[in-house]
Amino acid sequence: MKEPKQKSSPGILKYKFIDGLRATGVLRFADWVKYWLHRGSVLPANFEFKRSNPGFQLPPHDLAFDAYNNVNWNNYKRLGRLQASVFADIVKQNTQSEELSILEWGCGPVG
């Protein structure tokens, strides 16, 4: 019995394309190009972010891009605060203690 033909979706095509880049050894170069194009596209916004947020600690660009495929510092701060509030709410809902120690398991020291 023949299996039904699967429909193509943009997600499946994307991963087939990435597999092709990996198989030909071009994926590292394609990532490098994507990194620099993205970094250039957010340069004005990042410059303004740094001007408006002096002292705000940021990870190195390459580490941020590797971790979450983005180097837009406005998004970094906004999403970080959102994620921190979600974790804080979970902790508040599930603990009785007034004194807690939270261990940070992020990507290491910044700066």
C-alpha atoms as a PDB file:
ATOM      1  CA  MET A   1       0.000   0.000   0.000  1.00  0.00           C
ATOM      2  CA  LYS A   2       1.345   3.440  -0.958  1.00  0.00           C
ATOM      3  CA  GLU A   3       1.804   5.993   1.786  1.00  0.00           C
ATOM      4  CA  PRO A   4      -0.037   9.253   1.249  1.00  0.00           C
ATOM      5  CA  LYS A   5       2.139  11.996  -0.143  1.00  0.00           C
ATOM      6  CA  GLN A   6       3.020  14.561   2.499  1.00  0.00           C
ATOM      7  CA  LYS A   7       2.246  18.162   1.767  1.00  0.00           C
ATOM      8  CA  SER A   8       5.190  20.523   1.649  1.00  0.00           C
ATOM      9  CA  SER A   9       5.205  23.307   4.144  1.00  0.00           C
ATOM     10  CA  PRO A  10       7.535  26.284   4.435  1.00  0.00           C
ATOM     11  CA  GLY A  11       8.985  24.740   7.620  1.00  0.00           C
ATOM     12  CA  ILE A  12       9.834  21.449   5.935  1.00  0.00           C
ATOM     13  CA  LEU A  13      11.355  23.236   2.953  1.00  0.00           C
ATOM     14  CA  LYS A  14      13.415  25.443   5.268  1.00  0.00           C
ATOM     15  CA  TYR A  15      14.919  22.435   7.033  1.00  0.00           C
ATOM     16  CA  LYS A  16      15.594  20.644   3.744  1.00  0.00           C
ATOM     17  CA  PHE A  17      17.389  23.777   2.533  1.00  0.00           C
ATOM     18  CA  ILE A  18      19.431  23.936   5.760  1.00  0.00           C
ATOM     19  CA  ASP A  19      20.283  20.231   5.426  1.00  0.00           C
ATOM     20  CA  GLY A  20      21.488  20.932   1.891  1.00  0.00           C
ATOM     21  CA  LEU A  21      23.689  23.793   3.112  1.00  0.00           C
ATOM     22  CA  ARG A  22      25.077  21.544   5.851  1.00  0.00           C
ATOM     23  CA  ALA A  23      25.755  18.689   3.404  1.00  0.00           C
ATOM     24  CA  THR A  24      27.671  20.986   1.057  1.00  0.00           C
ATOM     25  CA  GLY A  25      29.663  22.601   3.865  1.00  0.00           C
ATOM     26  CA  VAL A  26      28.149  26.037   3.238  1.00  0.00           C
ATOM     27  CA  LEU A  27      26.029  26.343   6.402  1.00  0.00           C
ATOM     28  CA  ARG A  28      28.737  28.035   8.488  1.00  0.00           C
ATOM     29  CA  PHE A  29      29.252  30.683   5.795  1.00  0.00           C
ATOM     30  CA  ALA A  30      25.477  31.177   5.400  1.00  0.00           C
ATOM     31  CA  ASP A  31      25.150  31.686   9.175  1.00  0.00           C
ATOM     32  CA  TRP A  32      28.002  34.194   9.084  1.00  0.00           C
ATOM     33  CA  VAL A  33      26.291  36.164   6.292  1.00  0.00           C
ATOM     34  CA  LYS A  34      22.948  36.048   8.139  1.00  0.00           C
ATOM     35  CA  TYR A  35      24.647  37.259  11.342  1.00  0.00           C
ATOM     36  CA  TRP A  36      26.280  40.276   9.676  1.00  0.00           C
ATOM     37  CA  LEU A  37      23.176  41.211   7.683  1.00  0.00           C
ATOM     38  CA  HIS A  38      21.049  41.073  10.833  1.00  0.00           C
ATOM     39  CA  ARG A  39      23.642  42.946  12.901  1.00  0.00           C
ATOM     40  CA  GLY A  40      23.751  45.676  10.272  1.00  0.00           C
ATOM     41  CA  SER A  41      19.963  45.917  10.094  1.00  0.00           C
ATOM     42  CA  VAL A  42      19.651  46.619  13.829  1.00  0.00           C
ATOM     43  CA  LEU A  43      22.687  48.887  14.114  1.00  0.00           C
ATOM     44  CA  PRO A  44      20.738  52.182  14.407  1.00  0.00           C
ATOM     45  CA  ALA A  45      18.306  50.717  16.952  1.00  0.00           C
ATOM     46  CA  ASN A  46      21.158  49.208  18.981  1.00  0.00           C
ATOM     47  CA  PHE A  47      23.066  52.498  18.942  1.00  0.00           C
ATOM     48  CA  GLU A  48      19.972  54.260  20.295  1.00  0.00           C
ATOM     49  CA  PHE A  49      19.436  51.513  22.883  1.00  0.00           C
ATOM     50  CA  LYS A  50      22.983  51.896  24.213  1.00  0.00           C
ATOM     51  CA  ARG A  51      22.593  55.694  24.317  1.00  0.00           C
ATOM     52  CA  SER A  52      19.285  55.402  26.201  1.00  0.00           C
ATOM     53  CA  ASN A  53      20.412  52.605  28.551  1.00  0.00           C
ATOM     54  CA  PRO A  54      23.925  53.474  29.749  1.00  0.00           C
ATOM     55  CA  GLY A  55      25.369  50.774  31.959  1.00  0.00           C
ATOM     56  CA  PHE A  56      22.969  48.078  30.757  1.00  0.00           C
ATOM     57  CA  GLN A  57      25.066  44.913  30.485  1.00  0.00           C
ATOM     58  CA  LEU A  58      24.867  43.143  27.124  1.00  0.00           C
ATOM     59  CA  PRO A  59      26.349  39.869  25.922  1.00  0.00           C
ATOM     60  CA  PRO A  60      28.785  39.810  23.003  1.00  0.00           C
ATOM     61  CA  HIS A  61      26.958  40.012  19.665  1.00  0.00           C
ATOM     62  CA  ASP A  62      28.131  36.618  18.430  1.00  0.00           C
ATOM     63  CA  LEU A  63      27.086  34.867  21.657  1.00  0.00           C
ATOM     64  CA  ALA A  64      23.637  36.505  21.578  1.00  0.00           C
ATOM     65  CA  PHE A  65      23.138  35.566  17.929  1.00  0.00           C
ATOM     66  CA  ASP A  66      24.221  31.989  18.586  1.00  0.00           C
ATOM     67  CA  ALA A  67      21.903  31.703  21.595  1.00  0.00           C
ATOM     68  CA  TYR A  68      18.710  33.235  20.208  1.00  0.00           C
ATOM     69  CA  ASN A  69      19.401  34.214  16.592  1.00  0.00           C
ATOM     70  CA  ASN A  70      19.013  37.916  17.316  1.00  0.00           C
ATOM     71  CA  VAL A  71      21.139  40.902  18.336  1.00  0.00           C
ATOM     72  CA  ASN A  72      18.394  43.497  18.712  1.00  0.00           C
ATOM     73  CA  TRP A  73      19.056  44.880  22.200  1.00  0.00           C
ATOM     74  CA  ASN A  74      15.536  46.296  22.597  1.00  0.00           C
ATOM     75  CA  ASN A  75      14.169  42.777  22.067  1.00  0.00           C
ATOM     76  CA  TYR A  76      16.833  41.332  24.359  1.00  0.00           C
ATOM     77  CA  LYS A  77      15.790  43.590  27.237  1.00  0.00           C
ATOM     78  CA  ARG A  78      12.038  43.331  26.602  1.00  0.00           C
ATOM     79  CA  LEU A  79      12.003  39.538  26.289  1.00  0.00           C
ATOM     80  CA  GLY A  80      14.389  39.138  29.220  1.00  0.00           C
ATOM     81  CA  ARG A  81      12.096  41.156  31.469  1.00  0.00           C
ATOM     82  CA  LEU A  82       9.066  39.200  30.245  1.00  0.00           C
ATOM     83  CA  GLN A  83      10.755  35.855  30.892  1.00  0.00           C
ATOM     84  CA  ALA A  84      11.964  37.025  34.314  1.00  0.00           C
ATOM     85  CA  SER A  85       8.423  38.055  35.282  1.00  0.00           C
ATOM     86  CA  VAL A  86       7.054  34.658  34.208  1.00  0.00           C
ATOM     87  CA  PHE A  87       9.646  32.879  36.367  1.00  0.00           C
ATOM     88  CA  ALA A  88       9.027  35.279  39.275  1.00  0.00           C
ATOM     89  CA  ASP A  89       5.281  34.585  39.115  1.00  0.00           C
ATOM     90  CA  ILE A  90       5.890  30.827  39.127  1.00  0.00           C
ATOM     91  CA  VAL A  91       8.204  31.138  42.128  1.00  0.00           C
ATOM     92  CA  LYS A  92       5.723  33.363  44.003  1.00  0.00           C
ATOM     93  CA  GLN A  93       2.854  30.950  43.336  1.00  0.00           C
ATOM     94  CA  ASN A  94       4.801  27.904  44.476  1.00  0.00           C
ATOM     95  CA  THR A  95       6.753  29.041  47.521  1.00  0.00           C
ATOM     96  CA  GLN A  96       5.971  30.136  51.040  1.00  0.00           C
ATOM     97  CA  SER A  97       9.380  31.473  52.035  1.00  0.00           C
ATOM     98  CA  GLU A  98      10.208  35.160  52.136  1.00  0.00           C
ATOM     99  CA  GLU A  99      13.903  34.429  51.637  1.00  0.00           C
ATOM    100  CA  LEU A 100      14.910  32.607  48.484  1.00  0.00           C
ATOM    101  CA  SER A 101      18.108  32.074  46.564  1.00  0.00           C
ATOM    102  CA  ILE A 102      17.767  31.917  42.803  1.00  0.00           C
ATOM    103  CA  LEU A 103      20.660  30.447  40.847  1.00  0.00           C
ATOM    104  CA  GLU A 104      21.034  31.923  37.391  1.00  0.00           C
ATOM    105  CA  TRP A 105      21.825  29.363  34.699  1.00  0.00           C
ATOM    106  CA  GLY A 106      22.337  31.692  31.735  1.00  0.00           C
ATOM    107  CA  CYS A 107      25.182  31.962  29.304  1.00  0.00           C
ATOM    108  CA  GLY A 108      27.787  33.194  31.779  1.00  0.00           C
ATOM    109  CA  PRO A 109      29.229  36.548  32.739  1.00  0.00           C
ATOM    110  CA  VAL A 110      28.415  39.598  30.677  1.00  0.00           C
ATOM    111  CA  GLY A 111      30.856  42.366  29.958  1.00  0.00           C
END
